[in-house]
């Protein structure tokens, strides 16, 4: 399940919600971390990121 956010360089970024391991607020927005030291920083606030990830993982019935 892919979720689209806007990275700090204003480019759309699609991530696989099932691969997210950690989400934290940073001065530029929200950092989304994956396994093996990979991460992306997006401009959306933490609450919005968490809501979109949860909604995606719950699916259409959730």
C-alpha atoms as a PDB file:
ATOM      1  CA  UNK A   1       0.000   0.000   0.000  1.00  0.00           C
ATOM      2  CA  UNK A   2       1.619   3.209  -1.180  1.00  0.00           C
ATOM      3  CA  UNK A   3       1.117   6.626   0.382  1.00  0.00           C
ATOM      4  CA  UNK A   4       2.181   9.860  -1.340  1.00  0.00           C
ATOM      5  CA  UNK A   5       3.800  12.743   0.550  1.00  0.00           C
ATOM      6  CA  UNK A   6       5.813  15.808  -0.481  1.00  0.00           C
ATOM      7  CA  UNK A   7       9.533  15.687   0.287  1.00  0.00           C
ATOM      8  CA  UNK A   8      11.387  18.754   1.551  1.00  0.00           C
ATOM      9  CA  UNK A   9      12.627  19.485  -1.990  1.00  0.00           C
ATOM     10  CA  UNK A  10       8.939  19.657  -3.074  1.00  0.00           C
ATOM     11  CA  UNK A  11       9.006  16.402  -5.035  1.00  0.00           C
ATOM     12  CA  UNK A  12       6.197  13.890  -4.586  1.00  0.00           C
ATOM     13  CA  UNK A  13       7.401  10.802  -2.742  1.00  0.00           C
ATOM     14  CA  UNK A  14       5.538   7.480  -2.607  1.00  0.00           C
ATOM     15  CA  UNK A  15       6.300   5.146   0.287  1.00  0.00           C
ATOM     16  CA  UNK A  16       5.142   1.663   1.217  1.00  0.00           C
ATOM     17  CA  UNK A  17       3.228   2.121   4.481  1.00  0.00           C
ATOM     18  CA  UNK A  18       3.955  -1.460   5.556  1.00  0.00           C
ATOM     19  CA  UNK A  19       7.716  -0.800   5.554  1.00  0.00           C
ATOM     20  CA  UNK A  20       7.682   2.213   7.897  1.00  0.00           C
ATOM     21  CA  UNK A  21       9.475   1.482  11.154  1.00  0.00           C
ATOM     22  CA  UNK A  22       9.592   4.886  12.849  1.00  0.00           C
ATOM     23  CA  UNK A  23       8.102   8.373  12.382  1.00  0.00           C
ATOM     24  CA  UNK A  24       9.426  11.479  14.138  1.00  0.00           C
ATOM     25  CA  UNK A  25       8.925  15.250  13.893  1.00  0.00           C
ATOM     26  CA  UNK A  26      11.879  17.319  12.661  1.00  0.00           C
ATOM     27  CA  UNK A  27      12.294  21.037  11.992  1.00  0.00           C
ATOM     28  CA  UNK A  28      11.517  20.587   8.260  1.00  0.00           C
ATOM     29  CA  UNK A  29       8.406  18.426   8.773  1.00  0.00           C
ATOM     30  CA  UNK A  30       8.343  14.693   9.517  1.00  0.00           C
ATOM     31  CA  UNK A  31      11.038  12.063   9.078  1.00  0.00           C
ATOM     32  CA  UNK A  32       9.799   8.636   8.017  1.00  0.00           C
ATOM     33  CA  UNK A  33      12.269   5.818   8.649  1.00  0.00           C
ATOM     34  CA  UNK A  34      12.471   2.402   7.050  1.00  0.00           C
ATOM     35  CA  UNK A  35      14.764  -0.565   7.666  1.00  0.00           C
ATOM     36  CA  UNK A  36      18.475  -0.541   6.905  1.00  0.00           C
ATOM     37  CA  UNK A  37      18.993   3.137   7.784  1.00  0.00           C
ATOM     38  CA  UNK A  38      16.803   4.525   4.999  1.00  0.00           C
ATOM     39  CA  UNK A  39      14.611   7.556   5.627  1.00  0.00           C
ATOM     40  CA  UNK A  40      12.798  10.400   3.896  1.00  0.00           C
ATOM     41  CA  UNK A  41      11.799  13.791   5.291  1.00  0.00           C
ATOM     42  CA  UNK A  42       8.418  15.134   4.187  1.00  0.00           C
ATOM     43  CA  UNK A  43       6.779  18.518   4.743  1.00  0.00           C
ATOM     44  CA  UNK A  44       3.496  17.152   6.115  1.00  0.00           C
ATOM     45  CA  UNK A  45       3.108  17.409   9.912  1.00  0.00           C
ATOM     46  CA  UNK A  46       3.478  14.309  12.095  1.00  0.00           C
ATOM     47  CA  UNK A  47      -0.259  13.946  12.845  1.00  0.00           C
ATOM     48  CA  UNK A  48      -1.140  13.971   9.142  1.00  0.00           C
ATOM     49  CA  UNK A  49       1.562  11.425   8.302  1.00  0.00           C
ATOM     50  CA  UNK A  50       0.422   9.065  11.060  1.00  0.00           C
ATOM     51  CA  UNK A  51      -3.228   9.391  10.025  1.00  0.00           C
ATOM     52  CA  UNK A  52      -2.485   8.640   6.355  1.00  0.00           C
ATOM     53  CA  UNK A  53      -0.267   5.675   7.220  1.00  0.00           C
ATOM     54  CA  UNK A  54      -2.873   4.226   9.607  1.00  0.00           C
ATOM     55  CA  UNK A  55      -5.722   4.760   7.148  1.00  0.00           C
ATOM     56  CA  UNK A  56      -3.712   3.015   4.418  1.00  0.00           C
ATOM     57  CA  UNK A  57      -2.824   0.051   6.625  1.00  0.00           C
ATOM     58  CA  UNK A  58      -6.456  -0.365   7.804  1.00  0.00           C
ATOM     59  CA  UNK A  59      -7.706  -0.568   4.248  1.00  0.00           C
ATOM     60  CA  UNK A  60     -11.049   0.540   2.797  1.00  0.00           C
ATOM     61  CA  UNK A  61     -13.164  -1.151   5.471  1.00  0.00           C
ATOM     62  CA  UNK A  62     -11.218   0.329   8.417  1.00  0.00           C
END
